[in-house]
Amino acid sequence: MSQQPTAYLIDSSIYVFRAWFTMPDTLVNHKNEPMNAVYGFSDFLMKFIEQEQPTHMMCAFDQSLGSSSVRNEIYPEYKANRDPAPEELKQQFTYCRNLAKHIGVAEFASERYEADDIIATFSHTMREQGFRNVIVTGDKDLTQLVHENDLWWEFAKNKRMDVKGVLKNFGVHPHQIADMLALAGDKVDNITGVPGVGPKTAANLLAKFETLDNILDNIDKVGDMKFRGAKRIQTLLEQHQDDARLSKKLTVTFTDESLPYEASSLQRKAIDKDALENFFEESGFGNMRKQRWYKLLNI
């Protein structure tokens, strides 16, 4: 077991969306505003803190980015296949961010960068300051951030991957994940990749050539590789190499220079009990949920 201190970097939007879809929409506050995502996220956060007792953690949230996103500037069709979040869910995101803030947990969102980028930025920051990172998410894209001693952790399913686990699951090393996605594409984010190249073929190519750039610099050698359809893959790469390069610009994580650099920025803060009580009142939290929070936070 690593003796390094641990920073927990939570991809919060996944857990908010999951609660939105799984908790009944009859859960409302006194204004009749839906609170199902807030209650579900609250329960996740409570269980997580109870179990891990983290000293350093943060919650990263996605805002409705659209044209202001750095990736939409590169490729306007990025995530164009997704419906925008309904207004009642956007409102709940604000409540979820406030909950994190009121319990002393650092929370971040950006008009320009995604939660992935916020997590990537802090993963570099915390590693440089002696921490190991546990990235709490269900998003495979974030396996690209796993370094030695780090973990990718899908909390709800208790699925964990370290460096070796990423290689076992995807056939590539963490630093090759963005290249694999650039080749195979990502339908969820409307990233085309190279049509006809799937994750397994991408992994075969990266096992031999290491990087996307090296593959594209050696396209003429792909047809000689010992797997079925190698000649066809060479032709596809020749036809779609610009698509692959564009896709790579979308699959890598960005650094948000506006974020604080100090490890202390992720240290759990003192709790403002009055603000928290007001939040619970406004959100319509029941007595049982409130008392669990008070017990957990020792207030």
Protein backbone atom coordinates (compact mmCIF):
# COMPACT_ATOMS: atom_id res chain seq x y z
CA MET A 1 0.00 0.00 0.00
CA SER A 2 1.30 3.41 -0.97
CA GLN A 3 2.27 5.72 1.91
CA GLN A 4 1.58 8.80 -0.21
CA PRO A 5 -1.28 11.07 0.80
CA THR A 6 -4.32 10.63 -1.44
CA ALA A 7 -6.29 13.20 -3.42
CA TYR A 8 -9.79 12.11 -4.43
CA LEU A 9 -10.92 13.73 -7.70
CA ILE A 10 -14.64 13.20 -8.26
CA ASP A 11 -16.28 13.38 -11.67
CA SER A 12 -19.45 14.64 -10.03
CA SER A 13 -21.66 15.08 -13.09
CA ILE A 14 -21.81 11.32 -13.64
CA TYR A 15 -23.26 10.81 -10.17
CA VAL A 16 -25.70 13.71 -10.55
CA PHE A 17 -26.99 12.31 -13.86
CA ARG A 18 -27.22 8.81 -12.41
CA ALA A 19 -29.35 10.09 -9.53
CA TRP A 20 -31.52 12.07 -11.96
CA PHE A 21 -32.33 8.90 -13.87
CA THR A 22 -32.70 6.51 -10.91
CA MET A 23 -34.30 8.53 -8.09
CA PRO A 24 -38.07 9.20 -8.30
CA ASP A 25 -39.02 12.60 -9.70
CA THR A 26 -41.63 12.94 -6.97
CA LEU A 27 -38.83 14.11 -4.65
CA VAL A 28 -39.32 17.89 -4.44
CA ASN A 29 -38.66 20.78 -2.05
CA HIS A 30 -41.23 23.19 -0.60
CA LYS A 31 -41.19 25.18 -3.87
CA ASN A 32 -42.12 21.99 -5.72
CA GLU A 33 -38.73 22.03 -7.46
CA PRO A 34 -37.40 18.53 -8.29
CA MET A 35 -34.68 17.40 -5.91
CA ASN A 36 -34.13 13.77 -6.97
CA ALA A 37 -30.64 14.40 -8.40
CA VAL A 38 -29.68 16.45 -5.33
CA TYR A 39 -30.80 13.75 -2.90
CA GLY A 40 -29.08 11.02 -4.89
CA PHE A 41 -25.85 12.98 -5.17
CA SER A 42 -26.04 13.79 -1.46
CA ASP A 43 -26.37 10.10 -0.62
CA PHE A 44 -23.41 9.23 -2.86
CA LEU A 45 -21.25 11.96 -1.32
CA MET A 46 -22.23 10.97 2.21
CA LYS A 47 -21.39 7.31 1.61
CA PHE A 48 -18.12 8.23 -0.06
CA ILE A 49 -16.90 10.50 2.76
CA GLU A 50 -18.09 8.03 5.38
CA GLN A 51 -16.13 5.23 3.74
CA GLU A 52 -12.94 7.04 2.71
CA GLN A 53 -12.58 9.83 5.31
CA PRO A 54 -10.65 11.92 2.75
CA THR A 55 -8.47 14.84 3.80
CA HIS A 56 -8.09 16.15 0.22
CA MET A 57 -10.88 15.92 -2.33
CA MET A 58 -12.72 17.89 -4.96
CA CYS A 59 -15.91 17.70 -6.99
CA ALA A 60 -15.68 18.65 -10.67
CA PHE A 61 -18.91 19.54 -12.48
CA ASP A 62 -19.73 20.00 -16.14
CA GLN A 63 -21.57 23.15 -17.08
CA SER A 64 -23.63 23.46 -20.24
CA LEU A 65 -20.65 24.41 -22.38
CA GLY A 66 -21.79 24.62 -26.01
CA SER A 67 -19.89 27.07 -28.20
CA SER A 68 -17.83 28.37 -25.26
CA SER A 69 -16.11 24.99 -24.88
CA VAL A 70 -12.51 24.71 -26.01
CA ARG A 71 -13.41 21.49 -27.86
CA ASN A 72 -16.33 23.08 -29.69
CA GLU A 73 -13.94 25.74 -30.92
CA ILE A 74 -11.84 22.95 -32.44
CA TYR A 75 -14.81 20.92 -33.73
CA PRO A 76 -18.29 22.52 -33.64
CA GLU A 77 -19.97 19.09 -33.94
CA TYR A 78 -18.41 17.89 -30.69
CA LYS A 79 -21.23 16.40 -28.54
CA ALA A 80 -23.77 17.76 -31.03
CA ASN A 81 -25.57 14.41 -30.80
CA ARG A 82 -26.54 15.07 -27.17
CA ASP A 83 -29.72 16.78 -26.06
CA PRO A 84 -29.12 19.73 -23.71
CA ALA A 85 -29.85 19.12 -20.04
CA PRO A 86 -33.40 20.16 -19.06
CA GLU A 87 -33.69 23.34 -17.00
CA GLU A 88 -34.89 21.48 -13.90
CA LEU A 89 -31.71 19.38 -13.97
CA LYS A 90 -29.46 22.41 -14.50
CA GLN A 91 -31.02 23.91 -11.39
CA GLN A 92 -30.20 20.77 -9.43
CA PHE A 93 -26.56 21.00 -10.51
CA THR A 94 -26.42 24.35 -8.70
CA TYR A 95 -27.82 22.74 -5.56
CA CYS A 96 -25.26 19.91 -5.81
CA ARG A 97 -22.39 22.37 -6.13
CA ASN A 98 -23.71 24.28 -3.12
CA LEU A 99 -23.96 21.08 -1.08
CA ALA A 100 -20.28 20.31 -1.74
CA LYS A 101 -19.30 23.86 -0.82
CA HIS A 102 -21.36 23.89 2.38
CA ILE A 103 -19.82 20.64 3.66
CA GLY A 104 -16.32 22.04 3.11
CA VAL A 105 -15.47 20.21 -0.13
CA ALA A 106 -13.78 22.08 -2.98
CA GLU A 107 -15.97 22.25 -6.09
CA PHE A 108 -15.18 23.52 -9.57
CA ALA A 109 -16.87 24.07 -12.92
CA SER A 110 -15.89 26.06 -15.99
CA GLU A 111 -17.50 27.79 -18.95
CA ARG A 112 -14.60 26.69 -21.14
CA TYR A 113 -13.33 23.37 -19.81
CA GLU A 114 -15.04 20.10 -18.97
CA ALA A 115 -14.94 18.24 -15.66
CA ASP A 116 -12.40 15.90 -17.30
CA ASP A 117 -10.03 18.83 -17.80
CA ILE A 118 -10.51 20.09 -14.25
CA ILE A 119 -9.70 16.61 -12.93
CA ALA A 120 -6.71 16.34 -15.27
CA THR A 121 -5.37 19.70 -14.09
CA PHE A 122 -5.61 18.75 -10.44
CA SER A 123 -4.20 15.27 -11.07
CA HIS A 124 -0.99 16.91 -12.37
CA THR A 125 -0.97 19.46 -9.55
CA MET A 126 -1.44 16.94 -6.78
CA ARG A 127 1.05 14.44 -8.23
CA GLU A 128 3.72 17.13 -8.42
CA GLN A 129 3.08 17.88 -4.74
CA GLY A 130 3.52 14.28 -3.59
CA PHE A 131 -0.05 12.94 -3.73
CA ARG A 132 -1.44 9.85 -5.40
CA ASN A 133 -4.73 10.37 -7.21
CA VAL A 134 -7.93 8.38 -6.98
CA ILE A 135 -10.17 9.43 -9.87
CA VAL A 136 -13.77 8.68 -8.97
CA THR A 137 -15.74 8.29 -12.19
CA GLY A 138 -17.36 5.88 -14.60
CA ASP A 139 -15.78 7.51 -17.65
CA LYS A 140 -13.17 5.35 -19.41
CA ASP A 141 -11.61 8.45 -20.99
CA LEU A 142 -10.17 9.40 -17.59
CA THR A 143 -8.08 6.23 -17.42
CA GLN A 144 -5.55 8.29 -19.41
CA LEU A 145 -4.75 10.10 -16.15
CA VAL A 146 -3.74 6.98 -14.20
CA HIS A 147 -0.07 6.96 -13.18
CA GLU A 148 1.86 4.66 -10.87
CA ASN A 149 0.03 4.30 -7.50
CA ASP A 150 -3.08 6.05 -8.89
CA LEU A 151 -6.51 4.48 -9.22
CA TRP A 152 -9.48 4.90 -11.55
CA TRP A 153 -12.51 4.01 -9.44
CA GLU A 154 -16.15 3.52 -10.41
CA PHE A 155 -17.47 3.91 -6.87
CA ALA A 156 -20.99 2.55 -7.37
CA LYS A 157 -19.75 -0.70 -8.95
CA ASN A 158 -16.55 -0.76 -6.88
CA LYS A 159 -14.56 -1.30 -10.06
CA ARG A 160 -10.96 -0.15 -9.70
CA MET A 161 -8.16 0.05 -12.23
CA ASP A 162 -4.52 0.83 -11.68
CA VAL A 163 -1.93 1.12 -14.46
CA LYS A 164 -1.91 -2.65 -15.01
CA GLY A 165 -5.70 -2.78 -14.86
CA VAL A 166 -6.02 -0.21 -17.65
CA LEU A 167 -3.71 -2.29 -19.84
CA LYS A 168 -5.65 -5.46 -19.04
CA ASN A 169 -9.04 -3.87 -19.76
CA PHE A 170 -8.22 -1.84 -22.88
CA GLY A 171 -5.07 -3.41 -24.28
CA VAL A 172 -3.18 -0.12 -24.10
CA HIS A 173 -1.28 1.79 -21.43
CA PRO A 174 -2.95 4.82 -19.80
CA HIS A 175 -0.83 7.26 -21.81
CA GLN A 176 -2.18 5.61 -25.00
CA ILE A 177 -5.89 5.92 -24.14
CA ALA A 178 -6.35 9.24 -25.94
CA ASP A 179 -4.66 7.79 -29.04
CA MET A 180 -6.88 4.70 -28.90
CA LEU A 181 -10.00 6.87 -28.70
CA ALA A 182 -8.72 9.06 -31.55
CA LEU A 183 -8.42 5.95 -33.74
CA ALA A 184 -11.58 4.12 -32.66
CA GLY A 185 -13.73 7.21 -32.15
CA ASP A 186 -16.19 7.87 -29.36
CA LYS A 187 -19.88 7.88 -30.31
CA VAL A 188 -20.90 9.28 -26.94
CA ASP A 189 -18.98 12.50 -27.65
CA ASN A 190 -19.54 12.46 -31.44
CA ILE A 191 -15.84 11.91 -32.15
CA THR A 192 -15.46 10.17 -35.50
CA GLY A 193 -12.02 8.61 -35.25
CA VAL A 194 -11.14 6.40 -38.23
CA PRO A 195 -14.31 4.69 -39.52
CA GLY A 196 -13.81 0.93 -39.54
CA VAL A 197 -11.16 0.94 -36.80
CA GLY A 198 -12.39 -0.42 -33.46
CA PRO A 199 -10.72 -0.47 -30.04
CA LYS A 200 -9.09 -3.87 -30.58
CA THR A 201 -7.50 -2.84 -33.89
CA ALA A 202 -6.44 0.47 -32.36
CA ALA A 203 -4.77 -1.43 -29.52
CA ASN A 204 -2.94 -3.68 -32.03
CA LEU A 205 -1.65 -0.63 -33.89
CA LEU A 206 -0.53 1.11 -30.71
CA ALA A 207 1.21 -2.04 -29.45
CA LYS A 208 3.44 -1.88 -32.52
CA PHE A 209 3.80 1.85 -33.18
CA GLU A 210 3.29 3.30 -29.64
CA THR A 211 1.60 6.56 -30.66
CA LEU A 212 -0.96 7.86 -33.12
CA ASP A 213 1.64 10.14 -34.70
CA ASN A 214 3.98 7.20 -35.23
CA ILE A 215 1.17 5.15 -36.80
CA LEU A 216 0.35 7.95 -39.22
CA ASP A 217 4.04 8.42 -40.04
CA ASN A 218 4.28 4.71 -40.89
CA ILE A 219 0.96 4.02 -42.61
CA ASP A 220 2.75 2.19 -45.42
CA LYS A 221 3.88 -0.48 -42.92
CA VAL A 222 0.42 -1.20 -41.47
CA GLY A 223 -0.59 -3.47 -44.34
CA ASP A 224 2.29 -5.84 -43.48
CA MET A 225 1.08 -6.41 -39.92
CA LYS A 226 -0.03 -9.92 -38.99
CA PHE A 227 -3.74 -9.45 -38.35
CA ARG A 228 -6.75 -10.04 -40.52
CA GLY A 229 -7.67 -7.06 -42.68
CA ALA A 230 -4.36 -5.23 -42.23
CA LYS A 231 -4.37 -3.99 -45.84
CA ARG A 232 -7.90 -2.61 -45.42
CA ILE A 233 -6.89 -0.83 -42.20
CA GLN A 234 -3.92 0.73 -44.01
CA THR A 235 -6.28 2.09 -46.65
CA LEU A 236 -8.68 3.45 -44.01
CA LEU A 237 -5.82 5.19 -42.21
CA GLU A 238 -4.66 6.73 -45.48
CA GLN A 239 -8.17 8.02 -46.18
CA HIS A 240 -8.94 9.29 -42.67
CA GLN A 241 -5.64 10.41 -41.18
CA ASP A 242 -6.91 13.99 -40.87
CA ASP A 243 -9.95 12.69 -38.97
CA ALA A 244 -7.63 10.84 -36.60
CA ARG A 245 -5.51 13.94 -35.96
CA LEU A 246 -8.61 16.04 -35.33
CA SER A 247 -10.02 13.38 -33.02
CA LYS A 248 -6.82 13.34 -30.97
CA LYS A 249 -7.23 17.06 -30.31
CA LEU A 250 -10.60 16.21 -28.71
CA THR A 251 -9.65 13.08 -26.74
CA VAL A 252 -6.70 14.53 -24.84
CA THR A 253 -7.38 16.45 -21.65
CA PHE A 254 -6.63 20.17 -21.38
CA THR A 255 -5.07 22.14 -18.55
CA ASP A 256 -7.15 24.90 -16.97
CA GLU A 257 -4.55 27.45 -15.92
CA SER A 258 -7.10 29.41 -13.91
CA LEU A 259 -7.35 26.69 -11.23
CA PRO A 260 -5.42 27.04 -7.96
CA TYR A 261 -2.08 25.23 -7.85
CA GLU A 262 -1.72 24.65 -4.10
CA ALA A 263 -2.55 21.19 -2.74
CA SER A 264 -4.20 22.97 0.20
CA SER A 265 -6.99 24.10 -2.16
CA LEU A 266 -8.35 20.53 -2.01
CA GLN A 267 -8.11 20.24 1.75
CA ARG A 268 -11.50 19.91 3.38
CA LYS A 269 -12.58 23.20 4.93
CA ALA A 270 -14.42 24.19 8.08
CA ILE A 271 -18.18 23.88 7.84
CA ASP A 272 -20.56 26.81 8.13
CA LYS A 273 -23.37 25.12 10.04
CA ASP A 274 -25.84 27.98 9.52
CA ALA A 275 -25.31 27.95 5.75
CA LEU A 276 -25.66 24.17 5.72
CA GLU A 277 -28.89 24.27 7.75
CA ASN A 278 -30.31 26.88 5.38
CA PHE A 279 -29.34 24.68 2.44
CA PHE A 280 -31.06 21.65 3.98
CA GLU A 281 -34.19 23.73 4.59
CA GLU A 282 -34.24 25.10 1.04
CA SER A 283 -33.63 21.65 -0.44
CA GLY A 284 -36.31 19.98 1.66
CA PHE A 285 -33.97 17.43 3.22
CA GLY A 286 -35.76 15.13 5.61
CA ASN A 287 -34.71 14.83 9.25
CA MET A 288 -33.05 11.44 8.78
CA ARG A 289 -30.84 12.64 5.90
CA LYS A 290 -29.95 15.81 7.82
CA GLN A 291 -29.01 13.92 10.98
CA ARG A 292 -26.78 11.56 9.02
CA TRP A 293 -24.92 14.54 7.63
CA TYR A 294 -24.60 16.19 11.05
CA LYS A 295 -23.24 12.97 12.55
CA LEU A 296 -20.78 12.48 9.68
CA LEU A 297 -19.55 16.08 9.90
CA ASN A 298 -19.45 16.09 13.72
CA ILE A 299 -21.67 19.15 14.05
